[in-house]
Each structure stands twice: as structure tokens, then as C-alpha cells.
């Protein structure tokens, strides 16, 4: 605060005046005024006087302590505010020390102190700090707009009738929710059918965004066309990653005039899409927002069951639930690990990080797990 102010409703006085005060031997002081928050007392407190003061009011001149009302009793019945008596007195029932119940000027933020550092996320407390020092504006890195596009003739928009052989588009919604969870602004473009022309038209709708995320169309099937469009309309940096789930993943840049829009092609299977988002899209979005702490928290946990990754030279991110028992963390799989089984993803609060050269994890082995900060009841958060 800019001035010393009272932390309690009570009486502002000189602490030395209360030496020896107790309920059986109170010290009586004359009350020379009353002070509410937002006002300044023009007089000065003397050794035999006190000022009735409210929380937040500036401490009067020469006062060095505030005694709360509960440690006092009025010696004279108070007259109505409109006819206040200046000969009112108060009995102090306990000894005060200098500084009692006073918030010192600058105790929160002192002159010359940096209020907020570059790169800090503006949460409720930070916004309150800016307001407390009178700042009405501050330069920020804006939240990135991320366009989301699902591809495939088999997809149907949620809410529509589901014909035989088709499935609902879940990826647009899970990916959009993840974008929003980490601070981005999702723009859902809908579904693009499996033709180059339709895919190009949909992609161009999203090229005014800061990033484009597509799901499906980056594998090796006859109808996986996102990679072909990326080569035609931009440039591709890498395609396929040695991870499970999530091998078919592409990254490149789409051209839009002088701009180059980063594009991440996520796999089509729902779990693969979410895991790939966590490992690739999430860090990119956070770095675009100026964040430096974008890595997921990793911990060591004891496997409670056998985890098999035999004959698969990929890093294995199995869905698991991590619990704490007797000061140690334990990891259990959440069920079937197929890349289309969302129920085991919904039950997970972590992913295993099993290296490429490990075929089998036995019960009791210690493994690395990556915590998911959006899971049910999760206390792990870096956003």
C-alpha cells in the first residue's frame, strides 16, 4: 500500500501508552476522532489519546499500533455520529507492541520492485496486483488461434443421424477442448471429405489462424490425403514418429501469401490424436504464448502389473492411473490400450514413458510416467 494502514477495526494509538495494560488494570485514553477507510485524520495521536479506526484506513500521525475492538471497552457511551462527543474515552485491555495490526507502506510491493516478470500468465492474482498499483493496461502475448479440422468420409457431425458404417467426429471436440485447456482459442472448421479439392478448400478456411491442426489423413492409406495436400500447398518437415500410439504424425508449414502457418497432422484414432497433441501441439501452443515452462511433469512410479511392448521399436505411452501409497507412486493400466479406446484415456491421469528398447515391464519395476494435468482430480498442472 502507499501508506501505513490498519489491518483491523480498532483504535490507533502509541504502543508505549499501553505498557502494563490488562483486563484488571486497563489503560484509559481519550478518543479524539474516528477514521474510515479512504479518509485521512488531520490531527496527531498523543500519548494519552487514540483514534477509532476502521480496516484499511491510513494510520494517523504519531500512532504506531492498532488495538482491535475486542481488546478494548468504551469508557463512555457513544453519542450518535451526528453529535459525536470529543470527551469519549476507551479502556485498553492489553499491552500493544509497535507495529501491531498495521500494514506497512510497501510491504506488498515496495518502490522500485518489479511487479510482474515477462512471460508470467495473467491469472486472477496477477490481475489483482496490476490493479493494486494502478495499471490499466499491460503488454501481453495474445492467445493463439488454432484451427481444427477433422478429415474422412466416415465422419458424421455430432447430433446428426448416424448412417451404417459411419462414426461421429470426436477428435474435433477433444482437440478443441485441449487447445482451450492450454490457453489457445480453438476454431473448429468441421469435417473435410476425402477429396483433395474439399480438403484444400477447408484448409484454406483456417489459414488466417496461427496454427492448423488436422486429424487423420497422414497415414499410408489410399484415402489419406493430408500429406499430399501439405506437399502441394506448403512444405513438410517430418512424417511419422517412433511412438505408440501416434506413429502417423506430420508437421509442416502451409503457405498463405507471405505467411507460413504451422500445421500438425494428428493421427485419426482418438487416443493417438490426444497423445500426439500432448507431445507436439501442446508445447508449440505454449511456446507461441511465450511460456517457458511447457514440459510435462515426469515422475518415477512402480508398475503394478506387466506391461508388454515386445517387438515394437517405438516409445510406449500407455494410459495409466498413478496413485500414492506410503510415500511412493504406483502405476496401473486403465484397461485395453487400443488407440481407439477413449474410455481408458478418460480413466487415466498419466501416460507411461517406456523406452524403445524395453520389451516388457514386470510388476515392481520402476518406470517413468508423464502426468496429465487435465485428468479427473489431477493435481499436476503446468498450464
Protein backbone atom coordinates (compact mmCIF):
# COMPACT_ATOMS: atom_id res chain seq x y z
CA UNK A 1 0.00 0.00 0.00
CA UNK A 2 1.11 3.64 -0.47
CA UNK A 3 0.54 4.45 3.23
CA UNK A 4 0.62 2.58 6.52
CA UNK A 5 -2.94 1.37 7.09
CA UNK A 6 -4.90 -0.52 9.69
CA UNK A 7 -5.28 -4.27 9.39
CA UNK A 8 -8.12 -4.34 11.95
CA UNK A 9 -11.10 -2.37 13.19
CA UNK A 10 -9.96 -0.87 16.50
CA UNK A 11 -8.04 2.05 17.98
CA UNK A 12 -4.86 3.62 16.62
CA UNK A 13 -2.54 4.71 19.41
CA UNK A 14 1.03 4.85 20.65
CA UNK A 15 2.12 1.44 21.87
CA UNK A 16 4.12 2.98 24.71
CA UNK A 17 0.83 4.27 26.16
CA UNK A 18 -0.39 0.73 26.79
CA UNK A 19 2.51 -0.62 28.85
CA UNK A 20 1.08 -2.79 31.62
CA UNK A 21 -2.47 -2.76 30.25
CA UNK A 22 -4.63 -5.75 31.20
CA UNK A 23 -8.31 -6.50 31.91
CA UNK A 24 -7.66 -5.94 35.60
CA UNK A 25 -5.57 -2.80 35.03
CA UNK A 26 -6.82 -1.15 31.82
CA UNK A 27 -5.23 1.97 30.38
CA UNK A 28 -7.73 4.74 29.59
CA UNK A 29 -7.17 7.00 26.60
CA UNK A 30 -9.19 9.86 25.19
CA UNK A 31 -10.75 9.28 21.79
CA UNK A 32 -10.09 12.29 19.57
CA UNK A 33 -11.68 11.13 16.35
CA UNK A 34 -12.90 8.38 14.07
CA UNK A 35 -11.35 7.33 10.79
CA UNK A 36 -12.88 5.25 7.99
CA UNK A 37 -11.08 3.73 5.01
CA UNK A 38 -10.50 6.30 2.29
CA UNK A 39 -10.06 9.26 4.66
CA UNK A 40 -7.07 10.87 6.39
CA UNK A 41 -7.01 12.05 10.03
CA UNK A 42 -5.67 15.60 10.14
CA UNK A 43 -4.66 15.58 13.80
CA UNK A 44 -1.92 13.75 15.68
CA UNK A 45 -2.13 10.98 18.24
CA UNK A 46 -0.52 11.82 21.60
CA UNK A 47 0.50 9.51 24.48
CA UNK A 48 -2.90 9.93 26.17
CA UNK A 49 -5.15 9.72 23.09
CA UNK A 50 -6.38 7.26 20.46
CA UNK A 51 -8.32 7.38 17.21
CA UNK A 52 -11.13 4.96 16.44
CA UNK A 53 -10.05 3.40 13.11
CA UNK A 54 -11.52 1.01 10.53
CA UNK A 55 -9.71 -1.64 8.48
CA UNK A 56 -7.85 -0.10 5.54
CA UNK A 57 -7.82 3.46 6.90
CA UNK A 58 -4.44 5.27 6.93
CA UNK A 59 -2.77 5.17 10.35
CA UNK A 60 -2.85 8.65 11.97
CA UNK A 61 0.33 10.63 12.52
CA UNK A 62 2.38 9.52 15.57
CA UNK A 63 0.37 6.30 16.05
CA UNK A 64 2.40 3.09 15.84
CA UNK A 65 -0.09 0.35 16.74
CA UNK A 66 -3.75 -0.62 16.41
CA UNK A 67 -5.59 -2.42 19.21
CA UNK A 68 -8.65 -4.34 17.93
CA UNK A 69 -12.08 -3.58 19.38
CA UNK A 70 -12.23 -6.94 21.16
CA UNK A 71 -9.26 -5.88 23.35
CA UNK A 72 -10.96 -2.65 24.43
CA UNK A 73 -14.06 -1.34 26.13
CA UNK A 74 -15.63 2.06 25.81
CA UNK A 75 -15.45 4.17 28.93
CA UNK A 76 -18.28 6.50 27.90
CA UNK A 77 -21.45 5.63 25.96
CA UNK A 78 -21.04 6.78 22.37
CA UNK A 79 -23.27 9.61 21.19
CA UNK A 80 -24.87 9.39 17.73
CA UNK A 81 -22.45 10.06 14.85
CA UNK A 82 -24.21 13.38 14.11
CA UNK A 83 -23.45 14.64 17.61
CA UNK A 84 -20.13 12.96 18.42
CA UNK A 85 -18.59 13.72 21.83
CA UNK A 86 -14.89 14.50 21.82
CA UNK A 87 -14.52 13.62 25.52
CA UNK A 88 -15.23 9.94 24.83
CA UNK A 89 -12.65 7.55 26.23
CA UNK A 90 -11.62 3.96 25.63
CA UNK A 91 -10.09 1.42 28.01
CA UNK A 92 -7.25 -0.67 26.56
CA UNK A 93 -7.27 -4.20 27.98
CA UNK A 94 -3.93 -5.50 26.71
CA UNK A 95 -0.46 -4.20 26.03
CA UNK A 96 0.33 -3.37 22.39
CA UNK A 97 3.65 -3.54 20.59
CA UNK A 98 4.84 -1.14 17.89
CA UNK A 99 3.58 -2.32 14.51
CA UNK A 100 0.68 -4.39 15.84
CA UNK A 101 -2.12 -4.68 13.25
CA UNK A 102 -0.53 -2.18 10.87
CA UNK A 103 0.09 -2.95 7.20
CA UNK A 104 3.24 -1.05 6.37
CA UNK A 105 3.58 1.05 3.23
CA UNK A 106 5.28 -1.03 0.55
CA UNK A 107 5.06 -4.31 2.47
CA UNK A 108 3.38 -5.98 -0.54
CA UNK A 109 5.26 -4.21 -3.35
CA UNK A 110 7.99 -1.71 -2.50
CA UNK A 111 9.07 1.20 -4.65
CA UNK A 112 11.34 0.09 -7.49
CA UNK A 113 10.28 -3.56 -7.24
CA UNK A 114 9.31 -5.41 -10.43
CA UNK A 115 5.61 -6.19 -10.11
CA UNK A 116 5.42 -8.94 -12.75
CA UNK A 117 8.13 -10.53 -14.88
CA UNK A 118 7.91 -11.05 -18.62
CA UNK A 119 6.31 -14.36 -19.50
CA UNK A 120 4.02 -14.54 -16.47
CA UNK A 121 0.50 -15.79 -17.13
CA UNK A 122 -2.14 -13.27 -16.06
CA UNK A 123 -4.23 -15.22 -13.57
CA UNK A 124 -6.64 -13.67 -11.03
CA UNK A 125 -3.86 -12.83 -8.53
CA UNK A 126 -1.66 -11.19 -11.17
CA UNK A 127 -4.57 -9.12 -12.47
CA UNK A 128 -5.27 -8.02 -8.91
CA UNK A 129 -1.63 -6.98 -8.47
CA UNK A 130 -1.74 -4.85 -11.61
CA UNK A 131 -4.90 -3.15 -10.39
CA UNK A 132 -3.38 -2.56 -6.94
CA UNK A 133 -0.60 -0.45 -8.47
CA UNK A 134 -3.00 1.41 -10.74
CA UNK A 135 -2.07 -0.17 -14.07
CA UNK A 136 -4.94 -0.10 -16.55
CA UNK A 137 -3.05 -1.67 -19.45
CA UNK A 138 -0.15 -4.07 -19.87
CA UNK A 139 1.51 -5.55 -22.96
CA UNK A 140 0.68 -9.21 -23.42
CA UNK A 141 1.25 -12.01 -25.90
CA UNK A 142 -2.17 -12.80 -27.26
CA UNK A 143 -3.66 -16.26 -27.14
CA UNK A 144 -3.04 -18.11 -30.42
CA UNK A 145 -5.98 -19.04 -32.61
CA UNK A 146 -5.74 -22.72 -33.57
CA UNK A 147 -7.89 -24.06 -36.42
CA UNK A 148 -9.07 -27.66 -36.03
CA UNK A 149 -10.10 -29.85 -38.97
CA UNK A 150 -11.18 -33.50 -38.98
CA UNK A 151 -10.90 -35.45 -42.23
CA UNK A 152 -12.57 -38.58 -43.55
CA UNK A 153 -15.67 -39.73 -45.44
CA UNK A 154 -16.60 -41.92 -42.48
CA UNK A 155 -17.15 -38.97 -40.12
CA UNK A 156 -20.53 -37.54 -39.16
CA UNK A 157 -21.10 -34.36 -37.16
CA UNK A 158 -22.26 -34.93 -33.59
CA UNK A 159 -26.04 -34.57 -33.34
CA UNK A 160 -26.79 -35.88 -36.81
CA UNK A 161 -28.24 -39.28 -37.66
CA UNK A 162 -25.51 -41.91 -37.86
CA UNK A 163 -25.73 -43.98 -41.10
CA UNK A 164 -24.35 -47.54 -41.23
CA UNK A 165 -20.58 -47.67 -41.49
CA UNK A 166 -20.04 -44.13 -40.18
CA UNK A 167 -18.77 -42.75 -36.86
CA UNK A 168 -19.17 -39.47 -35.03
CA UNK A 169 -16.37 -36.90 -35.17
CA UNK A 170 -14.96 -36.92 -31.63
CA UNK A 171 -11.50 -35.60 -32.47
CA UNK A 172 -12.63 -32.06 -33.26
CA UNK A 173 -14.12 -31.78 -29.80
CA UNK A 174 -11.36 -33.41 -27.75
CA UNK A 175 -8.67 -31.44 -29.61
CA UNK A 176 -10.59 -28.16 -29.31
CA UNK A 177 -11.00 -28.79 -25.58
CA UNK A 178 -7.26 -29.41 -25.22
CA UNK A 179 -6.46 -26.20 -27.11
CA UNK A 180 -8.73 -24.25 -24.80
CA UNK A 181 -7.31 -26.01 -21.73
CA UNK A 182 -3.83 -24.79 -22.55
CA UNK A 183 -4.82 -21.22 -23.35
CA UNK A 184 -5.37 -21.25 -27.10
CA UNK A 185 -8.53 -20.22 -28.93
CA UNK A 186 -9.93 -23.15 -30.94
CA UNK A 187 -11.67 -22.59 -34.26
CA UNK A 188 -13.43 -25.76 -35.36
CA UNK A 189 -13.62 -26.00 -39.16
CA UNK A 190 -15.74 -29.14 -39.22
CA UNK A 191 -15.21 -32.21 -41.39
CA UNK A 192 -13.45 -32.43 -44.77
CA UNK A 193 -14.35 -35.40 -47.00
CA UNK A 194 -11.64 -37.49 -48.63
CA UNK A 195 -11.07 -35.46 -51.80
CA UNK A 196 -8.15 -33.18 -52.47
CA UNK A 197 -10.41 -30.32 -53.57
CA UNK A 198 -12.60 -30.46 -50.45
CA UNK A 199 -9.57 -30.77 -48.20
CA UNK A 200 -7.80 -27.79 -49.79
CA UNK A 201 -10.96 -25.67 -49.50
CA UNK A 202 -11.36 -26.47 -45.81
CA UNK A 203 -7.68 -25.93 -45.04
CA UNK A 204 -7.74 -22.51 -46.71
CA UNK A 205 -10.57 -21.52 -44.37
CA UNK A 206 -8.16 -21.96 -41.48
CA UNK A 207 -5.09 -20.23 -42.87
CA UNK A 208 -5.82 -16.95 -41.08
CA UNK A 209 -5.29 -18.79 -37.78
CA UNK A 210 -1.93 -19.01 -36.01
CA UNK A 211 -1.76 -22.80 -36.27
CA UNK A 212 -3.68 -25.55 -38.07
CA UNK A 213 -4.34 -28.97 -36.58
CA UNK A 214 -5.83 -31.72 -38.71
CA UNK A 215 -6.75 -35.22 -37.61
CA UNK A 216 -6.43 -38.30 -39.84
CA UNK A 217 -5.19 -38.34 -43.41
CA UNK A 218 -1.49 -38.63 -42.57
CA UNK A 219 -1.06 -42.41 -42.72
CA UNK A 220 -0.30 -44.56 -45.78
CA UNK A 221 -3.84 -45.44 -46.87
CA UNK A 222 -5.29 -44.70 -50.30
CA UNK A 223 -7.57 -42.04 -48.83
CA UNK A 224 -5.03 -40.38 -46.52
CA UNK A 225 -4.58 -37.13 -48.43
CA UNK A 226 -3.43 -34.55 -45.87
CA UNK A 227 0.21 -35.27 -46.57
CA UNK A 228 -0.30 -34.83 -50.33
CA UNK A 229 -2.09 -31.52 -49.81
CA UNK A 230 0.65 -30.33 -47.45
CA UNK A 231 3.30 -31.07 -50.08
CA UNK A 232 1.24 -29.23 -52.72
CA UNK A 233 0.23 -26.21 -50.63
CA UNK A 234 3.26 -25.87 -48.37
CA UNK A 235 6.17 -27.90 -47.13
CA UNK A 236 6.56 -30.95 -44.94
CA UNK A 237 9.26 -31.24 -42.28
CA UNK A 238 8.67 -34.72 -40.89
CA UNK A 239 6.19 -37.54 -41.22
CA UNK A 240 5.76 -40.48 -38.82
CA UNK A 241 7.23 -40.67 -35.31
CA UNK A 242 8.57 -43.69 -33.42
CA UNK A 243 5.92 -43.58 -30.71
CA UNK A 244 2.95 -45.72 -29.69
CA UNK A 245 0.20 -44.67 -30.02
CA UNK A 246 0.63 -41.89 -32.56
CA UNK A 247 3.05 -43.08 -35.24
CA UNK A 248 1.30 -41.34 -38.21
CA UNK A 249 2.01 -37.70 -37.39
CA UNK A 250 3.08 -34.96 -39.78
CA UNK A 251 4.47 -31.47 -39.32
CA UNK A 252 4.94 -28.78 -41.91
CA UNK A 253 4.02 -25.25 -42.99
CA UNK A 254 1.15 -24.09 -45.16
CA UNK A 255 1.66 -21.01 -47.32
CA UNK A 256 -0.83 -18.13 -47.21
CA UNK A 257 0.59 -15.09 -49.01
CA UNK A 258 3.70 -14.06 -47.10
CA UNK A 259 2.67 -16.06 -44.04
CA UNK A 260 3.74 -19.55 -43.12
CA UNK A 261 1.22 -21.29 -40.87
CA UNK A 262 2.49 -24.23 -38.81
CA UNK A 263 0.49 -27.39 -39.35
CA UNK A 264 0.45 -30.52 -37.24
CA UNK A 265 -1.27 -33.52 -38.78
CA UNK A 266 -2.55 -35.63 -35.89
CA UNK A 267 -3.47 -39.31 -36.28
CA UNK A 268 -7.12 -40.20 -36.81
CA UNK A 269 -7.53 -42.64 -33.94
CA UNK A 270 -8.90 -40.68 -30.96
CA UNK A 271 -6.33 -41.74 -28.36
CA UNK A 272 -3.44 -41.36 -30.80
CA UNK A 273 -4.72 -37.88 -31.60
CA UNK A 274 -4.80 -36.83 -27.93
CA UNK A 275 -1.41 -38.33 -27.08
CA UNK A 276 0.18 -36.70 -30.13
CA UNK A 277 -1.41 -33.39 -29.18
CA UNK A 278 0.13 -33.60 -25.70
CA UNK A 279 3.60 -34.31 -27.05
CA UNK A 280 3.69 -31.97 -30.06
CA UNK A 281 0.82 -29.47 -30.32
CA UNK A 282 0.67 -28.55 -26.65
CA UNK A 283 4.34 -27.44 -26.38
CA UNK A 284 4.01 -25.49 -29.63
CA UNK A 285 0.92 -23.62 -28.40
CA UNK A 286 2.51 -22.82 -25.05
CA UNK A 287 5.71 -21.55 -26.69
CA UNK A 288 3.66 -19.37 -29.03
CA UNK A 289 2.14 -17.85 -25.89
CA UNK A 290 5.59 -17.03 -24.52
CA UNK A 291 5.63 -19.74 -21.86
CA UNK A 292 8.95 -21.28 -20.90
CA UNK A 293 7.58 -23.97 -18.57
CA UNK A 294 5.93 -26.15 -21.21
CA UNK A 295 7.28 -29.59 -20.39
CA UNK A 296 5.02 -32.16 -18.76
CA UNK A 297 5.89 -33.21 -15.20
CA UNK A 298 7.62 -36.60 -15.18
CA UNK A 299 7.78 -38.78 -12.09
CA UNK A 300 9.02 -42.27 -11.27
CA UNK A 301 6.44 -44.87 -10.34
CA UNK A 302 6.36 -48.59 -9.57
CA UNK A 303 4.49 -50.71 -12.13
CA UNK A 304 1.68 -52.70 -10.52
CA UNK A 305 1.24 -55.03 -13.48
CA UNK A 306 3.01 -56.43 -16.51
CA UNK A 307 3.27 -54.02 -19.46
CA UNK A 308 4.27 -55.61 -22.75
CA UNK A 309 5.76 -53.76 -25.73
CA UNK A 310 7.54 -56.69 -27.37
CA UNK A 311 8.77 -56.46 -30.98
CA UNK A 312 7.69 -52.85 -31.32
CA UNK A 313 10.63 -50.42 -31.65
CA UNK A 314 8.61 -47.40 -30.52
CA UNK A 315 8.38 -45.45 -27.27
CA UNK A 316 5.24 -46.63 -25.49
CA UNK A 317 2.81 -44.15 -23.94
CA UNK A 318 0.29 -46.45 -22.26
CA UNK A 319 -2.65 -44.96 -20.39
CA UNK A 320 -2.36 -45.48 -16.65
CA UNK A 321 -3.60 -44.29 -13.29
CA UNK A 322 -0.96 -43.16 -10.79
CA UNK A 323 -1.66 -43.45 -7.06
CA UNK A 324 0.43 -42.66 -4.00
CA UNK A 325 0.91 -45.27 -1.29
CA UNK A 326 3.27 -44.96 1.67
CA UNK A 327 5.22 -42.15 0.04
CA UNK A 328 5.72 -43.93 -3.30
CA UNK A 329 3.92 -43.64 -6.62
CA UNK A 330 2.38 -46.68 -8.31
CA UNK A 331 1.12 -47.02 -11.89
CA UNK A 332 -1.67 -49.30 -13.13
CA UNK A 333 -3.01 -49.55 -16.67
CA UNK A 334 -6.55 -48.23 -17.11
CA UNK A 335 -7.76 -51.03 -19.37
CA UNK A 336 -7.41 -52.01 -23.03
CA UNK A 337 -4.77 -49.93 -24.79
CA UNK A 338 -6.18 -49.84 -28.32
CA UNK A 339 -5.68 -46.46 -29.97
CA UNK A 340 -9.42 -46.04 -30.47
CA UNK A 341 -10.48 -46.76 -26.87
CA UNK A 342 -11.30 -43.39 -25.34
CA UNK A 343 -12.69 -44.87 -22.12
CA UNK A 344 -9.22 -45.90 -20.95
CA UNK A 345 -7.98 -42.38 -21.76
CA UNK A 346 -10.80 -40.84 -19.74
CA UNK A 347 -9.83 -43.02 -16.76
CA UNK A 348 -6.12 -42.14 -16.95
CA UNK A 349 -4.21 -39.45 -15.11
CA UNK A 350 -0.84 -40.28 -16.68
CA UNK A 351 0.97 -41.93 -19.58
CA UNK A 352 3.83 -44.38 -19.24
CA UNK A 353 7.09 -43.43 -20.95
CA UNK A 354 8.57 -46.82 -21.77
CA UNK A 355 11.77 -46.62 -23.87
CA UNK A 356 12.06 -48.18 -27.30
CA UNK A 357 14.47 -50.88 -26.15
CA UNK A 358 12.26 -52.21 -23.32
CA UNK A 359 10.11 -55.18 -24.35
CA UNK A 360 8.47 -55.98 -21.02
CA UNK A 361 7.94 -54.13 -17.75
CA UNK A 362 7.41 -56.53 -14.85
CA UNK A 363 5.39 -55.78 -11.69
CA UNK A 364 7.68 -53.97 -9.26
CA UNK A 365 9.80 -52.37 -11.97
CA UNK A 366 10.20 -48.62 -11.71
CA UNK A 367 9.11 -46.67 -14.78
CA UNK A 368 8.79 -43.04 -15.87
CA UNK A 369 5.28 -41.64 -16.18
CA UNK A 370 4.06 -38.37 -17.67
CA UNK A 371 1.28 -36.76 -15.65
CA UNK A 372 -1.82 -35.44 -17.42
CA UNK A 373 -2.92 -32.17 -15.86
CA UNK A 374 -6.45 -32.24 -17.33
CA UNK A 375 -7.47 -35.61 -15.93
CA UNK A 376 -10.18 -36.12 -13.32
CA UNK A 377 -8.96 -34.87 -9.93
CA UNK A 378 -5.45 -34.19 -11.20
CA UNK A 379 -3.17 -32.05 -9.05
CA UNK A 380 -0.49 -31.89 -11.74
CA UNK A 381 -0.69 -28.71 -13.77
CA UNK A 382 1.74 -26.68 -15.88
CA UNK A 383 -0.80 -24.56 -17.73
